């Protein structure tokens, strides 16, 4: 898979009490970025799970932890759709 690199400077204060594991931090940041791409509807959750290298079920669980819906409709859109069909 082709990849682009991004440099992120993290404040040392934010890392106090944590072991410095650059690869683990990079994985966390990549996962959070993919979650935000799904939240913004720029990426589907199945593709984001693939790019994150995690099973879809695990990614859905992470979405739930971050209050991200797997549905393409927000609550107001669903209400309008049901009213139209009902």
N, C-alpha and C. Protein backbone atom coordinates (compact mmCIF):
# COMPACT_ATOMS: atom_id res chain seq x y z
N UNK A 1 0.85 -1.18 0.00
CA UNK A 1 0.00 0.00 0.00
C UNK A 1 0.89 1.24 0.00
N UNK A 2 0.58 2.16 -0.89
CA UNK A 2 1.30 3.43 -0.89
C UNK A 2 0.91 4.22 0.34
N UNK A 3 1.82 5.01 0.84
CA UNK A 3 1.53 5.81 2.03
C UNK A 3 2.28 7.12 1.95
N UNK A 4 1.73 8.11 2.60
CA UNK A 4 2.37 9.41 2.76
C UNK A 4 2.73 9.54 4.23
N UNK A 5 3.79 10.25 4.51
CA UNK A 5 4.21 10.47 5.89
C UNK A 5 3.86 11.89 6.30
N UNK A 6 3.51 12.01 7.56
CA UNK A 6 3.19 13.31 8.15
C UNK A 6 4.00 13.43 9.43
N UNK A 7 4.58 14.56 9.63
CA UNK A 7 5.32 14.80 10.88
C UNK A 7 4.40 15.55 11.83
N UNK A 8 4.30 15.05 13.04
CA UNK A 8 3.48 15.68 14.06
C UNK A 8 4.36 15.91 15.28
N UNK A 9 4.45 17.15 15.72
CA UNK A 9 5.19 17.48 16.93
C UNK A 9 4.23 17.40 18.11
N UNK A 10 4.57 16.57 19.07
CA UNK A 10 3.73 16.39 20.25
C UNK A 10 4.40 17.04 21.45
N UNK A 11 3.63 17.76 22.24
CA UNK A 11 4.23 18.39 23.42
C UNK A 11 4.67 17.32 24.43
N UNK A 12 5.87 17.50 24.98
CA UNK A 12 6.39 16.53 25.95
C UNK A 12 5.46 16.39 27.14
N UNK A 13 4.83 17.47 27.53
CA UNK A 13 3.92 17.44 28.69
C UNK A 13 2.79 16.44 28.48
N UNK A 14 2.32 16.32 27.25
CA UNK A 14 1.23 15.39 26.96
C UNK A 14 1.68 13.93 27.04
N UNK A 15 2.98 13.72 27.02
CA UNK A 15 3.51 12.35 27.04
C UNK A 15 3.99 11.93 28.42
N UNK A 16 3.87 12.78 29.40
CA UNK A 16 4.30 12.42 30.76
C UNK A 16 3.49 11.24 31.26
N UNK A 17 4.18 10.33 31.88
CA UNK A 17 3.50 9.16 32.42
C UNK A 17 3.26 8.06 31.40
N UNK A 18 3.68 8.30 30.18
CA UNK A 18 3.54 7.28 29.12
C UNK A 18 4.92 6.88 28.65
N UNK A 19 5.04 5.63 28.28
CA UNK A 19 6.31 5.22 27.67
C UNK A 19 6.33 5.77 26.24
N UNK A 20 7.50 6.12 25.80
CA UNK A 20 7.64 6.66 24.45
C UNK A 20 7.73 5.50 23.47
N UNK A 21 6.66 5.25 22.75
CA UNK A 21 6.62 4.22 21.73
C UNK A 21 6.07 4.89 20.47
N UNK A 22 6.99 5.37 19.65
CA UNK A 22 6.60 6.15 18.47
C UNK A 22 5.66 5.37 17.55
N UNK A 23 5.88 4.08 17.40
CA UNK A 23 5.02 3.30 16.52
C UNK A 23 3.60 3.18 17.08
N UNK A 24 3.48 3.01 18.38
CA UNK A 24 2.15 2.92 19.00
C UNK A 24 1.41 4.25 18.88
N UNK A 25 2.13 5.34 19.08
CA UNK A 25 1.51 6.66 18.95
C UNK A 25 1.10 6.90 17.50
N UNK A 26 1.92 6.50 16.56
CA UNK A 26 1.58 6.66 15.13
C UNK A 26 0.34 5.86 14.79
N UNK A 27 0.23 4.61 15.32
CA UNK A 27 -0.97 3.80 15.08
C UNK A 27 -2.21 4.48 15.66
N UNK A 28 -2.09 5.00 16.89
CA UNK A 28 -3.22 5.68 17.52
C UNK A 28 -3.65 6.90 16.72
N UNK A 29 -2.67 7.69 16.28
CA UNK A 29 -3.00 8.89 15.49
C UNK A 29 -3.63 8.53 14.16
N UNK A 30 -3.12 7.49 13.51
CA UNK A 30 -3.69 7.04 12.23
C UNK A 30 -5.13 6.59 12.43
N UNK A 31 -5.37 5.83 13.49
CA UNK A 31 -6.71 5.34 13.78
C UNK A 31 -7.66 6.49 14.07
N UNK A 32 -7.22 7.45 14.88
CA UNK A 32 -8.07 8.60 15.19
C UNK A 32 -8.37 9.42 13.94
N UNK A 33 -7.39 9.57 13.07
CA UNK A 33 -7.60 10.32 11.83
C UNK A 33 -8.63 9.60 10.95
N UNK A 34 -8.51 8.26 10.85
CA UNK A 34 -9.48 7.50 10.05
C UNK A 34 -10.88 7.59 10.66
N UNK A 35 -10.98 7.54 11.97
CA UNK A 35 -12.29 7.71 12.62
C UNK A 35 -12.89 9.08 12.28
N UNK A 36 -12.08 10.11 12.29
CA UNK A 36 -12.59 11.45 11.95
C UNK A 36 -12.98 11.55 10.48
N UNK A 37 -12.28 10.85 9.61
CA UNK A 37 -12.66 10.83 8.19
C UNK A 37 -14.04 10.19 8.01
N UNK A 38 -14.32 9.14 8.79
CA UNK A 38 -15.63 8.49 8.74
C UNK A 38 -16.68 9.44 9.32
N UNK A 39 -16.37 10.08 10.45
CA UNK A 39 -17.32 11.02 11.06
C UNK A 39 -17.71 12.13 10.07
N UNK A 40 -16.73 12.59 9.31
CA UNK A 40 -16.97 13.67 8.34
C UNK A 40 -17.55 13.16 7.03
N UNK A 41 -17.78 11.85 6.95
CA UNK A 41 -18.35 11.20 5.76
C UNK A 41 -17.48 11.34 4.52
N UNK A 42 -16.18 11.43 4.74
CA UNK A 42 -15.25 11.46 3.62
C UNK A 42 -14.72 10.07 3.30
N UNK A 43 -15.06 9.09 4.17
CA UNK A 43 -14.58 7.74 4.01
C UNK A 43 -15.59 6.80 4.65
N UNK A 44 -15.88 5.70 3.99
CA UNK A 44 -16.78 4.70 4.56
C UNK A 44 -16.08 3.90 5.65
N UNK A 45 -16.87 3.37 6.59
CA UNK A 45 -16.24 2.69 7.72
C UNK A 45 -15.54 1.40 7.30
N UNK A 46 -16.05 0.70 6.29
CA UNK A 46 -15.40 -0.54 5.86
C UNK A 46 -14.01 -0.25 5.28
N UNK A 47 -13.90 0.79 4.49
CA UNK A 47 -12.60 1.17 3.91
C UNK A 47 -11.67 1.66 5.01
N UNK A 48 -12.21 2.43 5.95
CA UNK A 48 -11.39 2.94 7.05
C UNK A 48 -10.85 1.78 7.89
N UNK A 49 -11.68 0.77 8.14
CA UNK A 49 -11.23 -0.40 8.89
C UNK A 49 -10.10 -1.10 8.15
N UNK A 50 -10.27 -1.24 6.84
CA UNK A 50 -9.23 -1.86 6.02
C UNK A 50 -7.92 -1.09 6.12
N UNK A 51 -8.02 0.24 5.97
CA UNK A 51 -6.82 1.08 6.03
C UNK A 51 -6.17 1.07 7.41
N UNK A 52 -7.00 0.91 8.44
CA UNK A 52 -6.48 0.84 9.81
C UNK A 52 -5.89 -0.53 10.13
N UNK A 53 -6.23 -1.53 9.30
CA UNK A 53 -5.72 -2.86 9.53
C UNK A 53 -6.42 -3.58 10.68
N UNK A 54 -7.71 -3.24 10.89
CA UNK A 54 -8.48 -3.89 11.94
C UNK A 54 -9.76 -4.47 11.35
N UNK A 55 -10.30 -5.51 11.96
CA UNK A 55 -11.57 -6.06 11.48
C UNK A 55 -12.69 -5.02 11.56
N UNK A 56 -13.65 -5.13 10.65
CA UNK A 56 -14.76 -4.17 10.64
C UNK A 56 -15.50 -4.13 11.96
N UNK A 57 -15.70 -5.28 12.58
CA UNK A 57 -16.42 -5.32 13.86
C UNK A 57 -15.68 -4.51 14.93
N UNK A 58 -14.37 -4.63 14.96
CA UNK A 58 -13.58 -3.85 15.93
C UNK A 58 -13.67 -2.36 15.61
N UNK A 59 -13.60 -2.02 14.32
CA UNK A 59 -13.68 -0.62 13.93
C UNK A 59 -15.04 -0.04 14.29
N UNK A 60 -16.11 -0.83 14.09
CA UNK A 60 -17.45 -0.38 14.48
C UNK A 60 -17.50 -0.12 15.99
N UNK A 61 -16.86 -0.98 16.77
CA UNK A 61 -16.80 -0.78 18.21
C UNK A 61 -16.08 0.51 18.57
N UNK A 62 -14.99 0.78 17.88
CA UNK A 62 -14.25 2.03 18.10
C UNK A 62 -15.09 3.24 17.70
N UNK A 63 -15.84 3.08 16.61
CA UNK A 63 -16.73 4.17 16.20
C UNK A 63 -17.74 4.46 17.31
N UNK A 64 -18.29 3.41 17.90
CA UNK A 64 -19.24 3.59 18.99
C UNK A 64 -18.60 4.30 20.18
N UNK A 65 -17.37 3.95 20.50
CA UNK A 65 -16.67 4.61 21.61
C UNK A 65 -16.46 6.10 21.34
N UNK A 66 -16.40 6.47 20.07
CA UNK A 66 -16.18 7.87 19.69
C UNK A 66 -17.47 8.53 19.20
N UNK A 67 -18.60 7.89 19.48
CA UNK A 67 -19.92 8.43 19.11
C UNK A 67 -20.03 8.74 17.62
N UNK A 68 -19.55 7.82 16.81
CA UNK A 68 -19.63 7.96 15.36
C UNK A 68 -20.61 6.90 14.86
N UNK A 69 -21.63 7.32 14.17
CA UNK A 69 -22.63 6.38 13.66
C UNK A 69 -22.14 5.71 12.38
N UNK A 70 -22.47 4.44 12.18
CA UNK A 70 -22.11 3.79 10.93
C UNK A 70 -23.10 4.07 9.81
N UNK A 71 -24.17 4.78 10.13
CA UNK A 71 -25.22 5.07 9.15
C UNK A 71 -24.92 6.34 8.40
N UNK A 72 -25.35 6.40 7.16
CA UNK A 72 -25.11 7.57 6.33
C UNK A 72 -26.10 8.70 6.58
N UNK A 73 -27.06 8.46 7.46
CA UNK A 73 -28.07 9.47 7.76
C UNK A 73 -27.92 9.92 9.19
N UNK A 74 -28.12 11.21 9.43
CA UNK A 74 -28.18 11.64 10.82
C UNK A 74 -29.63 11.49 11.29
N UNK A 75 -29.89 11.72 12.55
CA UNK A 75 -31.22 11.47 13.14
C UNK A 75 -32.31 12.26 12.42
N UNK A 76 -32.06 13.53 12.13
CA UNK A 76 -33.08 14.35 11.46
C UNK A 76 -33.41 13.82 10.07
N UNK A 77 -32.39 13.37 9.33
CA UNK A 77 -32.63 12.81 8.00
C UNK A 77 -33.46 11.54 8.08
N UNK A 78 -33.20 10.70 9.09
CA UNK A 78 -33.98 9.47 9.25
C UNK A 78 -35.44 9.77 9.56
N UNK A 79 -35.69 10.76 10.41
CA UNK A 79 -37.07 11.13 10.75
C UNK A 79 -37.80 11.59 9.49
N UNK A 80 -37.16 12.42 8.71
CA UNK A 80 -37.78 12.90 7.47
C UNK A 80 -38.06 11.74 6.51
N UNK A 81 -37.13 10.81 6.41
CA UNK A 81 -37.30 9.67 5.51
C UNK A 81 -38.46 8.80 5.96
N UNK A 82 -38.58 8.53 7.27
CA UNK A 82 -39.68 7.71 7.78
C UNK A 82 -41.03 8.42 7.61
N UNK A 83 -41.06 9.70 7.78
CA UNK A 83 -42.31 10.45 7.60
C UNK A 83 -42.76 10.38 6.15
N UNK A 84 -41.81 10.47 5.24
CA UNK A 84 -42.11 10.43 3.82
C UNK A 84 -42.67 9.08 3.42
N UNK A 85 -42.11 8.00 3.98
CA UNK A 85 -42.54 6.64 3.64
C UNK A 85 -43.73 6.17 4.45
N UNK A 86 -43.94 6.79 5.60
CA UNK A 86 -44.95 6.28 6.54
C UNK A 86 -46.29 6.80 6.29
